[in-house]
C-alpha atoms as a PDB file:
ATOM      1  CA  MET A   1       6.114  19.683  49.813  1.00  0.00           C
ATOM      2  CA  ALA A   2       9.194  19.469  47.689  1.00  0.00           C
ATOM      3  CA  GLU A   3      10.415  22.572  45.944  1.00  0.00           C
ATOM      4  CA  GLU A   4      10.174  22.731  42.155  1.00  0.00           C
ATOM      5  CA  SER A   5      13.500  22.991  40.421  1.00  0.00           C
ATOM      6  CA  ASP A   6      14.231  24.729  37.125  1.00  0.00           C
ATOM      7  CA  ASP A   7      15.148  21.492  35.348  1.00  0.00           C
ATOM      8  CA  THR A   8      11.606  20.064  35.258  1.00  0.00           C
ATOM      9  CA  PHE A   9       9.620  19.983  32.036  1.00  0.00           C
ATOM     10  CA  ARG A  10       6.663  22.322  31.712  1.00  0.00           C
ATOM     11  CA  SER A  11       4.393  22.405  28.706  1.00  0.00           C
ATOM     12  CA  GLU A  12       3.617  25.957  27.621  1.00  0.00           C
ATOM     13  CA  PRO A  13       1.757  25.842  24.292  1.00  0.00           C
ATOM     14  CA  GLY A  14       1.469  29.623  24.037  1.00  0.00           C
ATOM     15  CA  ALA A  15       5.233  30.045  24.243  1.00  0.00           C
ATOM     16  CA  LEU A  16       5.957  28.973  20.626  1.00  0.00           C
ATOM     17  CA  ASP A  17       7.387  31.505  18.209  1.00  0.00           C
ATOM     18  CA  GLU A  18       5.523  32.416  15.016  1.00  0.00           C
ATOM     19  CA  GLU A  19       8.228  30.736  12.937  1.00  0.00           C
ATOM     20  CA  GLU A  20       7.577  27.399  14.607  1.00  0.00           C
ATOM     21  CA  THR A  21       3.806  27.544  14.037  1.00  0.00           C
ATOM     22  CA  ALA A  22       4.067  27.416  10.251  1.00  0.00           C
ATOM     23  CA  ASP A  23       1.434  25.614   8.206  1.00  0.00           C
ATOM     24  CA  PRO A  24       2.301  21.882   8.037  1.00  0.00           C
ATOM     25  CA  ASP A  25       0.937  21.688   4.476  1.00  0.00           C
ATOM     26  CA  ASP A  26       3.512  24.235   3.268  1.00  0.00           C
ATOM     27  CA  ARG A  27       6.393  22.081   2.071  1.00  0.00           C
ATOM     28  CA  HIS A  28       8.739  24.510   0.393  1.00  0.00           C
ATOM     29  CA  GLY A  29       6.815  24.903  -2.851  1.00  0.00           C
ATOM     30  CA  GLU A  30       5.623  21.303  -3.176  1.00  0.00           C
ATOM     31  CA  ARG A  31       2.087  20.664  -4.271  1.00  0.00           C
ATOM     32  CA  PRO A  32      -0.102  19.865  -1.251  1.00  0.00           C
ATOM     33  CA  LYS A  33      -1.448  16.324  -1.080  1.00  0.00           C
ATOM     34  CA  PRO A  34      -5.186  15.995  -1.635  1.00  0.00           C
ATOM     35  CA  ARG A  35      -7.220  15.316   1.474  1.00  0.00           C
ATOM     36  CA  GLY A  36     -10.765  14.133   2.048  1.00  0.00           C
ATOM     37  CA  GLU A  37     -13.091  14.903  -0.834  1.00  0.00           C
ATOM     38  CA  ASP A  38     -10.232  16.127  -3.047  1.00  0.00           C
ATOM     39  CA  ARG A  39      -8.870  12.591  -3.430  1.00  0.00           C
ATOM     40  CA  GLU A  40     -10.243  10.703  -6.377  1.00  0.00           C
ATOM     41  CA  PHE A  41     -10.199   7.012  -7.187  1.00  0.00           C
ATOM     42  CA  GLY A  42      -8.765   7.449 -10.692  1.00  0.00           C
ATOM     43  CA  ALA A  43      -7.022   5.008 -12.980  1.00  0.00           C
ATOM     44  CA  ARG A  44      -4.594   3.840 -10.302  1.00  0.00           C
ATOM     45  CA  GLY A  45      -7.485   2.644  -8.177  1.00  0.00           C
ATOM     46  CA  TRP A  46      -9.076   0.745 -11.049  1.00  0.00           C
ATOM     47  CA  VAL A  47      -5.794  -0.974 -11.882  1.00  0.00           C
ATOM     48  CA  LEU A  48      -5.567  -2.013  -8.243  1.00  0.00           C
ATOM     49  CA  VAL A  49      -9.157  -3.334  -8.314  1.00  0.00           C
ATOM     50  CA  GLY A  50      -8.348  -5.338 -11.455  1.00  0.00           C
ATOM     51  CA  MET A  51      -5.316  -6.877  -9.779  1.00  0.00           C
ATOM     52  CA  LEU A  52      -7.396  -7.718  -6.711  1.00  0.00           C
ATOM     53  CA  PHE A  53      -9.889  -9.493  -8.978  1.00  0.00           C
ATOM     54  CA  LEU A  54      -7.042 -11.431 -10.575  1.00  0.00           C
ATOM     55  CA  ALA A  55      -5.445 -12.339  -7.236  1.00  0.00           C
ATOM     56  CA  PHE A  56      -8.653 -13.303  -5.427  1.00  0.00           C
ATOM     57  CA  GLY A  57     -10.824 -14.482  -8.308  1.00  0.00           C
ATOM     58  CA  VAL A  58      -8.922 -15.802 -11.295  1.00  0.00           C
ATOM     59  CA  ILE A  59      -5.956 -17.436  -9.560  1.00  0.00           C
ATOM     60  CA  PRO A  60      -8.042 -19.449  -7.044  1.00  0.00           C
ATOM     61  CA  MET A  61     -10.223 -20.717  -9.911  1.00  0.00           C
ATOM     62  CA  THR A  62      -7.070 -21.651 -11.808  1.00  0.00           C
ATOM     63  CA  ILE A  63      -5.849 -23.626  -8.806  1.00  0.00           C
ATOM     64  CA  PHE A  64      -9.256 -25.321  -8.577  1.00  0.00           C
ATOM     65  CA  PHE A  65      -8.975 -26.567 -12.181  1.00  0.00           C
ATOM     66  CA  LEU A  66      -5.272 -27.374 -11.873  1.00  0.00           C
ATOM     67  CA  PRO A  67      -5.622 -31.184 -11.776  1.00  0.00           C
ATOM     68  CA  ARG A  68      -7.317 -31.099 -15.180  1.00  0.00           C
ATOM     69  CA  ALA A  69      -4.538 -28.952 -16.667  1.00  0.00           C
ATOM     70  CA  GLN A  70      -1.666 -31.304 -15.886  1.00  0.00           C
ATOM     71  CA  GLY A  71      -0.539 -31.356 -19.516  1.00  0.00           C
ATOM     72  CA  LEU A  72      -0.324 -27.560 -19.631  1.00  0.00           C
ATOM     73  CA  LEU A  73       1.766 -27.493 -16.488  1.00  0.00           C
ATOM     74  CA  THR A  74       4.322 -29.911 -17.881  1.00  0.00           C
ATOM     75  CA  THR A  75       4.721 -27.796 -21.027  1.00  0.00           C
ATOM     76  CA  ILE A  76       5.497 -24.747 -18.864  1.00  0.00           C
ATOM     77  CA  GLY A  77       7.965 -26.786 -16.826  1.00  0.00           C
ATOM     78  CA  LEU A  78       5.999 -26.771 -13.586  1.00  0.00           C
ATOM     79  CA  GLY A  79       5.144 -29.791 -11.544  1.00  0.00           C
ATOM     80  CA  TYR A  80       1.848 -30.126  -9.716  1.00  0.00           C
ATOM     81  CA  ARG A  81       3.399 -29.040  -6.391  1.00  0.00           C
ATOM     82  CA  ASP A  82       5.310 -26.154  -8.005  1.00  0.00           C
ATOM     83  CA  ALA A  83       2.121 -24.784  -9.531  1.00  0.00           C
ATOM     84  CA  PHE A  84       0.502 -24.548  -6.092  1.00  0.00           C
ATOM     85  CA  LEU A  85       3.417 -22.391  -4.955  1.00  0.00           C
ATOM     86  CA  VAL A  86       3.975 -20.236  -8.030  1.00  0.00           C
ATOM     87  CA  LEU A  87       0.391 -19.423  -9.006  1.00  0.00           C
ATOM     88  CA  PRO A  88      -0.484 -17.576  -5.760  1.00  0.00           C
ATOM     89  CA  LEU A  89       3.014 -16.138  -5.337  1.00  0.00           C
ATOM     90  CA  LEU A  90       3.165 -14.135  -8.574  1.00  0.00           C
ATOM     91  CA  PRO A  91      -0.100 -12.213  -8.058  1.00  0.00           C
ATOM     92  CA  ALA A  92       0.843 -11.598  -4.410  1.00  0.00           C
ATOM     93  CA  LEU A  93       4.124  -9.978  -5.410  1.00  0.00           C
ATOM     94  CA  LEU A  94       2.439  -7.961  -8.153  1.00  0.00           C
ATOM     95  CA  LEU A  95      -0.340  -6.904  -5.796  1.00  0.00           C
ATOM     96  CA  GLY A  96       2.170  -5.653  -3.227  1.00  0.00           C
ATOM     97  CA  ALA A  97       4.116  -3.632  -5.794  1.00  0.00           C
ATOM     98  CA  LEU A  98       0.921  -2.317  -7.360  1.00  0.00           C
ATOM     99  CA  ALA A  99      -0.477  -1.252  -3.984  1.00  0.00           C
ATOM    100  CA  VAL A 100       2.619   0.848  -3.335  1.00  0.00           C
ATOM    101  CA  TRP A 101       2.365   2.367  -6.815  1.00  0.00           C
ATOM    102  CA  ALA A 102      -1.357   3.087  -6.429  1.00  0.00           C
ATOM    103  CA  THR A 103      -1.016   4.826  -3.070  1.00  0.00           C
ATOM    104  CA  THR A 104       1.897   7.084  -3.947  1.00  0.00           C
ATOM    105  CA  ARG A 105       0.708  10.256  -5.581  1.00  0.00           C
ATOM    106  CA  PRO A 106       2.794  12.151  -8.122  1.00  0.00           C
END
């Protein structure tokens, strides 16, 4: 058998100092983040649900009725092809920004 040298890695979990085993939730006076049952849905969640309804409910129905609203599109300055690109794009961008806002806690 080969001899073990001193430069090999050995895991010794009991060898940690007390300073290194500090509580991970203690963040220098910051408020701890809620976990499990302490998290609530709140207003941020309902705003996100409303935006999901807009992005997956209202906008597809708008695209469905788009051929009948050709006059409205020309008054806005959108062509038929442009409307198919812009209508889904705006809620997608808003939904992405809103999702970040809704998941970050103050």
